[in-house]
């Protein structure tokens, strides 16, 4: 199956649009001191776990041997606990704009790790596409009014968000072939279950101390978006895309997130359409096109078409 498969690209675009809207939603959910960052992570992984286990009731049961369950537990730690935990905690310290800027580094880490682990060659066209996308994303973020938002500790927050990108890049690279063994629902229900067990074990005292009655309707709605769209539906989309597309191409779609943030800002009247924003969006999608049409994106090392 070609890397240009429409289903894979639509899935990745949808996932990253939902993720692009998640940063402001998470900020709203944590706007008061009631929902702490790690409690937000608990709500996200536990809520998604419940939704995926309910969904599994409507699909054929798949047996997963203990060896593969251990691998899924490892995937959960890298791709969910570290990734989501670091992202939510990082966003609580830095501004949404700076957090979006840091997320644009993920395709670079995927490209480097895919080169080291999967021996996926780094072509000039691929590197150039990633560079174009990064430049476009930086232009969007720097010109965004959201970058002026107050932040508790931007440097610390940026480093924690960077750790989230590194963990997800490692997950995409290490588990690319493994995830093809099972259906999407089977993978997700086990990964989110293991992630929930890990998070609850860490944050149980905080969960017991949380004043759940003090959470406003707006904060509940924002948290609901994070769980349902930013996690459940987004992971369905990203796992669909990951089964079809190569890791570098999956990583490139991270650049859709700042585009989404900019468009939402324009829609809400927080930002205006400018020439620089139009140029930035053109650079981002030109970069995506360059990566998806690069020679290494279409063929594997032995010359066979990628599945």
Protein backbone atom coordinates (compact mmCIF):
# COMPACT_ATOMS: atom_id res chain seq x y z
CA UNK A 1 0.00 0.00 0.00
CA UNK A 2 1.36 3.41 -0.97
CA UNK A 3 2.30 6.00 1.62
CA UNK A 4 -0.03 8.31 -0.28
CA UNK A 5 -2.99 6.22 0.78
CA UNK A 6 -5.86 8.64 1.32
CA UNK A 7 -7.19 6.88 4.40
CA UNK A 8 -3.86 7.16 6.21
CA UNK A 9 -3.42 10.84 5.42
CA UNK A 10 -6.99 11.78 6.33
CA UNK A 11 -6.63 9.89 9.61
CA UNK A 12 -3.41 11.68 10.56
CA UNK A 13 -4.80 15.07 9.55
CA UNK A 14 -7.92 14.50 11.66
CA UNK A 15 -5.93 13.38 14.70
CA UNK A 16 -3.65 16.39 14.61
CA UNK A 17 -6.54 18.81 14.12
CA UNK A 18 -8.11 17.43 17.30
CA UNK A 19 -4.76 17.62 19.08
CA UNK A 20 -4.30 21.18 17.86
CA UNK A 21 -7.48 22.15 19.71
CA UNK A 22 -6.48 20.23 22.82
CA UNK A 23 -3.91 22.67 24.24
CA UNK A 24 -6.43 25.49 24.82
CA UNK A 25 -9.00 22.95 26.06
CA UNK A 26 -6.53 21.55 28.60
CA UNK A 27 -5.63 25.09 29.68
CA UNK A 28 -9.32 25.85 30.30
CA UNK A 29 -9.80 22.60 32.25
CA UNK A 30 -6.83 23.47 34.47
CA UNK A 31 -7.67 27.19 34.73
CA UNK A 32 -8.53 26.81 38.42
CA UNK A 33 -6.46 24.93 40.98
CA UNK A 34 -9.07 22.17 41.26
CA UNK A 35 -7.81 20.03 38.35
CA UNK A 36 -4.07 19.62 38.76
CA UNK A 37 -2.00 18.68 35.68
CA UNK A 38 -1.51 15.05 36.71
CA UNK A 39 -5.22 14.75 37.58
CA UNK A 40 -5.95 15.95 34.04
CA UNK A 41 -3.73 13.14 32.75
CA UNK A 42 -5.61 10.67 34.97
CA UNK A 43 -8.93 11.84 33.57
CA UNK A 44 -7.59 11.58 30.03
CA UNK A 45 -6.15 8.06 30.18
CA UNK A 46 -8.85 6.57 32.43
CA UNK A 47 -11.66 8.11 30.38
CA UNK A 48 -10.16 6.81 27.15
CA UNK A 49 -9.59 3.36 28.69
CA UNK A 50 -13.27 3.15 29.62
CA UNK A 51 -14.35 4.21 26.13
CA UNK A 52 -12.03 1.72 24.40
CA UNK A 53 -13.12 -1.20 26.62
CA UNK A 54 -16.77 -0.38 25.96
CA UNK A 55 -16.00 -0.19 22.23
CA UNK A 56 -14.29 -3.61 22.38
CA UNK A 57 -17.62 -5.20 23.32
CA UNK A 58 -18.81 -4.55 19.76
CA UNK A 59 -15.78 -6.15 18.06
CA UNK A 60 -14.45 -9.69 17.80
CA UNK A 61 -12.29 -10.66 20.78
CA UNK A 62 -8.56 -11.08 20.09
CA UNK A 63 -6.35 -13.17 22.34
CA UNK A 64 -3.15 -11.40 23.35
CA UNK A 65 -0.43 -13.66 24.81
CA UNK A 66 1.48 -12.55 27.94
CA UNK A 67 4.61 -11.70 25.92
CA UNK A 68 2.70 -9.24 23.75
CA UNK A 69 0.90 -7.83 26.79
CA UNK A 70 4.30 -6.91 28.20
CA UNK A 71 5.15 -5.18 24.92
CA UNK A 72 1.84 -3.31 25.06
CA UNK A 73 2.62 -2.26 28.63
CA UNK A 74 5.92 -0.84 27.40
CA UNK A 75 4.15 0.95 24.56
CA UNK A 76 1.70 2.40 27.07
CA UNK A 77 4.50 3.77 29.24
CA UNK A 78 6.30 5.42 26.32
CA UNK A 79 3.45 6.41 24.03
CA UNK A 80 0.82 7.36 26.61
CA UNK A 81 2.10 7.89 30.17
CA UNK A 82 5.31 9.73 29.29
CA UNK A 83 3.89 11.45 26.22
CA UNK A 84 0.58 12.62 27.67
CA UNK A 85 1.91 13.18 31.17
CA UNK A 86 4.80 15.34 30.00
CA UNK A 87 2.61 17.27 27.55
CA UNK A 88 -0.13 18.15 30.05
CA UNK A 89 2.35 19.03 32.81
CA UNK A 90 4.48 21.05 30.38
CA UNK A 91 1.49 23.01 29.08
CA UNK A 92 0.60 23.94 32.67
CA UNK A 93 3.98 25.69 33.02
CA UNK A 94 4.46 27.25 29.59
CA UNK A 95 2.21 29.15 27.18
CA UNK A 96 0.14 27.33 24.51
CA UNK A 97 2.17 29.14 21.83
CA UNK A 98 5.53 27.99 23.12
CA UNK A 99 4.15 24.51 23.70
CA UNK A 100 3.03 24.40 20.06
CA UNK A 101 6.48 25.53 18.98
CA UNK A 102 8.12 22.66 20.85
CA UNK A 103 5.75 20.10 19.27
CA UNK A 104 7.14 21.00 15.85
CA UNK A 105 10.43 19.30 16.79
CA UNK A 106 8.81 15.84 16.88
CA UNK A 107 9.17 15.06 13.14
CA UNK A 108 12.90 15.75 13.45
CA UNK A 109 13.22 13.25 16.30
CA UNK A 110 11.18 10.67 14.36
CA UNK A 111 13.44 11.10 11.33
CA UNK A 112 16.59 10.67 13.44
CA UNK A 113 15.26 7.67 15.38
CA UNK A 114 13.91 6.02 12.21
CA UNK A 115 17.38 6.41 10.69
CA UNK A 116 19.07 4.87 13.77
CA UNK A 117 16.57 2.09 14.58
CA UNK A 118 14.82 1.29 11.29
CA UNK A 119 17.69 2.30 8.98
CA UNK A 120 15.30 4.54 7.09
CA UNK A 121 17.50 6.79 4.91
CA UNK A 122 17.45 10.55 5.34
CA UNK A 123 17.18 12.00 1.86
CA UNK A 124 17.78 15.63 0.99
CA UNK A 125 14.14 15.97 -0.08
CA UNK A 126 12.87 14.55 3.21
CA UNK A 127 15.15 16.74 5.33
CA UNK A 128 14.18 19.76 3.23
CA UNK A 129 10.48 19.01 3.70
CA UNK A 130 10.85 18.78 7.46
CA UNK A 131 12.83 22.03 7.48
CA UNK A 132 10.10 23.80 5.45
CA UNK A 133 7.43 22.53 7.82
CA UNK A 134 9.41 23.64 10.85
CA UNK A 135 9.93 27.15 9.42
CA UNK A 136 6.23 27.47 8.66
CA UNK A 137 5.24 26.28 12.12
CA UNK A 138 7.66 28.69 13.79
CA UNK A 139 6.25 31.61 11.77
CA UNK A 140 2.72 30.66 12.90
CA UNK A 141 3.63 30.28 16.56
CA UNK A 142 5.80 33.39 16.80
CA UNK A 143 3.08 35.47 15.19
CA UNK A 144 0.32 34.04 17.39
CA UNK A 145 -1.20 36.18 20.09
CA UNK A 146 -1.49 33.10 22.26
CA UNK A 147 2.27 33.25 22.74
CA UNK A 148 1.71 36.25 24.99
CA UNK A 149 -0.23 34.21 27.51
CA UNK A 150 1.17 34.16 31.02
CA UNK A 151 3.30 31.18 31.93
CA UNK A 152 4.52 29.95 35.31
CA UNK A 153 7.93 28.69 34.19
CA UNK A 154 8.35 28.72 30.37
CA UNK A 155 11.83 27.15 30.35
CA UNK A 156 10.79 24.21 32.52
CA UNK A 157 7.51 23.80 30.63
CA UNK A 158 9.27 23.82 27.26
CA UNK A 159 11.71 21.12 28.41
CA UNK A 160 8.86 18.92 29.68
CA UNK A 161 6.91 19.35 26.41
CA UNK A 162 10.12 18.45 24.55
CA UNK A 163 10.33 15.23 26.59
CA UNK A 164 6.78 14.45 25.43
CA UNK A 165 7.83 14.78 21.78
CA UNK A 166 10.88 12.56 22.28
CA UNK A 167 8.83 9.84 23.99
CA UNK A 168 6.20 9.82 21.23
CA UNK A 169 8.85 9.77 18.50
CA UNK A 170 10.44 6.75 20.22
CA UNK A 171 7.06 5.02 20.43
CA UNK A 172 6.31 5.61 16.73
CA UNK A 173 9.68 4.17 15.77
CA UNK A 174 9.91 1.17 18.11
CA UNK A 175 6.34 -0.09 17.73
CA UNK A 176 5.66 0.55 14.05
CA UNK A 177 5.72 -3.13 13.07
CA UNK A 178 4.28 -4.51 16.31
CA UNK A 179 0.99 -2.60 16.08
CA UNK A 180 0.15 -4.40 12.84
CA UNK A 181 -0.41 -7.66 14.76
CA UNK A 182 -3.68 -6.61 16.36
CA UNK A 183 -6.74 -4.51 15.67
CA UNK A 184 -6.84 -0.89 16.71
CA UNK A 185 -9.38 -1.44 19.50
CA UNK A 186 -7.40 -4.33 21.00
CA UNK A 187 -4.21 -2.25 21.05
CA UNK A 188 -5.87 0.80 22.55
CA UNK A 189 -7.90 -0.95 25.26
CA UNK A 190 -4.80 -2.67 26.64
CA UNK A 191 -2.45 0.29 26.28
CA UNK A 192 -4.84 2.70 28.01
CA UNK A 193 -5.61 0.15 30.73
CA UNK A 194 -1.90 -0.21 31.52
CA UNK A 195 -1.47 3.56 31.36
CA UNK A 196 -4.38 4.06 33.78
CA UNK A 197 -2.92 1.55 36.23
CA UNK A 198 0.44 3.33 36.15
CA UNK A 199 -1.05 6.83 36.53
CA UNK A 200 -3.44 5.91 39.37
CA UNK A 201 -0.59 4.24 41.22
CA UNK A 202 1.33 7.52 41.05
CA UNK A 203 -1.45 10.00 41.73
CA UNK A 204 -3.85 8.18 44.09
CA UNK A 205 -3.32 10.60 47.03
CA UNK A 206 -4.03 13.59 44.76
CA UNK A 207 -7.13 11.90 43.34
CA UNK A 208 -8.51 11.40 46.85
CA UNK A 209 -7.79 15.04 47.78
CA UNK A 210 -9.36 16.56 44.66
CA UNK A 211 -12.50 18.61 45.34
CA UNK A 212 -14.55 17.25 42.45
CA UNK A 213 -17.60 19.32 43.38
CA UNK A 214 -15.68 22.54 42.78
CA UNK A 215 -15.11 21.84 39.09
CA UNK A 216 -17.18 24.20 36.94
CA UNK A 217 -19.29 23.14 33.96
CA UNK A 218 -16.86 24.88 31.61
CA UNK A 219 -13.94 22.96 33.07
CA UNK A 220 -15.87 19.67 32.80
CA UNK A 221 -16.70 20.45 29.16
CA UNK A 222 -13.05 21.24 28.38
CA UNK A 223 -11.92 18.04 30.12
CA UNK A 224 -14.58 16.14 28.18
CA UNK A 225 -13.13 17.42 24.90
CA UNK A 226 -9.64 16.32 25.97
CA UNK A 227 -10.91 12.80 26.77
CA UNK A 228 -13.37 12.19 23.94
CA UNK A 229 -11.85 14.05 21.00
CA UNK A 230 -8.26 14.80 22.04
CA UNK A 231 -7.71 11.20 23.15
CA UNK A 232 -10.33 8.60 22.14
CA UNK A 233 -11.10 9.72 18.58
CA UNK A 234 -7.61 11.15 18.00
CA UNK A 235 -5.93 7.87 18.92
CA UNK A 236 -8.30 5.91 16.68
CA UNK A 237 -7.25 8.18 13.82
CA UNK A 238 -3.53 8.16 14.61
CA UNK A 239 -3.39 4.37 15.00
CA UNK A 240 -5.16 4.00 11.66
CA UNK A 241 -2.61 6.30 10.04
CA UNK A 242 0.32 4.66 11.80
CA UNK A 243 -0.64 1.26 10.37
CA UNK A 244 -0.44 2.68 6.85
CA UNK A 245 2.19 5.42 6.79
CA UNK A 246 5.88 5.43 7.60
CA UNK A 247 7.00 6.96 10.94
CA UNK A 248 8.53 10.07 9.35
CA UNK A 249 5.30 10.87 7.51
CA UNK A 250 3.26 10.28 10.67
CA UNK A 251 5.54 12.70 12.49
CA UNK A 252 5.22 15.33 9.77
CA UNK A 253 1.52 15.71 10.49
CA UNK A 254 2.48 17.27 13.83
CA UNK A 255 2.79 20.51 11.86
CA UNK A 256 -0.99 20.51 11.36
CA UNK A 257 -1.40 21.38 15.05
CA UNK A 258 -0.11 25.00 14.90
CA UNK A 259 -2.12 25.51 11.67
CA UNK A 260 -5.23 24.42 13.56
CA UNK A 261 -4.42 26.72 16.46
CA UNK A 262 -3.94 29.67 14.09
CA UNK A 263 -7.20 28.98 12.25
CA UNK A 264 -9.11 28.70 15.53
CA UNK A 265 -7.62 31.99 16.67
CA UNK A 266 -8.80 33.65 13.46
CA UNK A 267 -12.27 32.10 13.78
CA UNK A 268 -12.63 33.33 17.37
CA UNK A 269 -11.44 36.80 16.41
CA UNK A 270 -8.27 36.46 18.48
CA UNK A 271 -6.06 36.68 15.41
CA UNK A 272 -6.22 38.09 11.91
CA UNK A 273 -5.41 36.64 8.52
CA UNK A 274 -2.01 37.96 7.48
CA UNK A 275 0.36 37.35 4.60
CA UNK A 276 2.84 35.74 6.99
CA UNK A 277 0.22 33.22 8.17
CA UNK A 278 -0.69 32.33 4.58
CA UNK A 279 2.99 31.85 3.72
CA UNK A 280 3.48 29.73 6.86
CA UNK A 281 0.59 27.41 6.00
CA UNK A 282 1.90 27.03 2.43
CA UNK A 283 5.37 26.14 3.78
CA UNK A 284 3.92 23.55 6.16
CA UNK A 285 1.88 21.71 3.55
CA UNK A 286 4.68 21.98 1.00
CA UNK A 287 6.92 20.29 3.56
CA UNK A 288 4.39 17.52 4.12
CA UNK A 289 4.16 16.94 0.37
CA UNK A 290 7.97 16.78 0.01
CA UNK A 291 8.27 14.17 2.76
CA UNK A 292 5.40 12.01 1.49
CA UNK A 293 6.80 12.02 -2.06
CA UNK A 294 10.45 11.46 -1.13
CA UNK A 295 12.03 8.31 -2.52
CA UNK A 296 12.53 6.69 0.91
CA UNK A 297 8.91 7.33 1.82
CA UNK A 298 7.75 5.22 -1.10
CA UNK A 299 10.18 2.33 -0.97
CA UNK A 300 11.86 0.38 1.75
CA UNK A 301 15.56 -0.36 1.89
CA UNK A 302 15.20 -3.46 -0.31
CA UNK A 303 13.16 -1.60 -2.88
CA UNK A 304 9.77 -3.07 -2.01
CA UNK A 305 6.74 -0.83 -1.69
CA UNK A 306 5.88 0.06 1.89
CA UNK A 307 2.67 -1.36 3.30
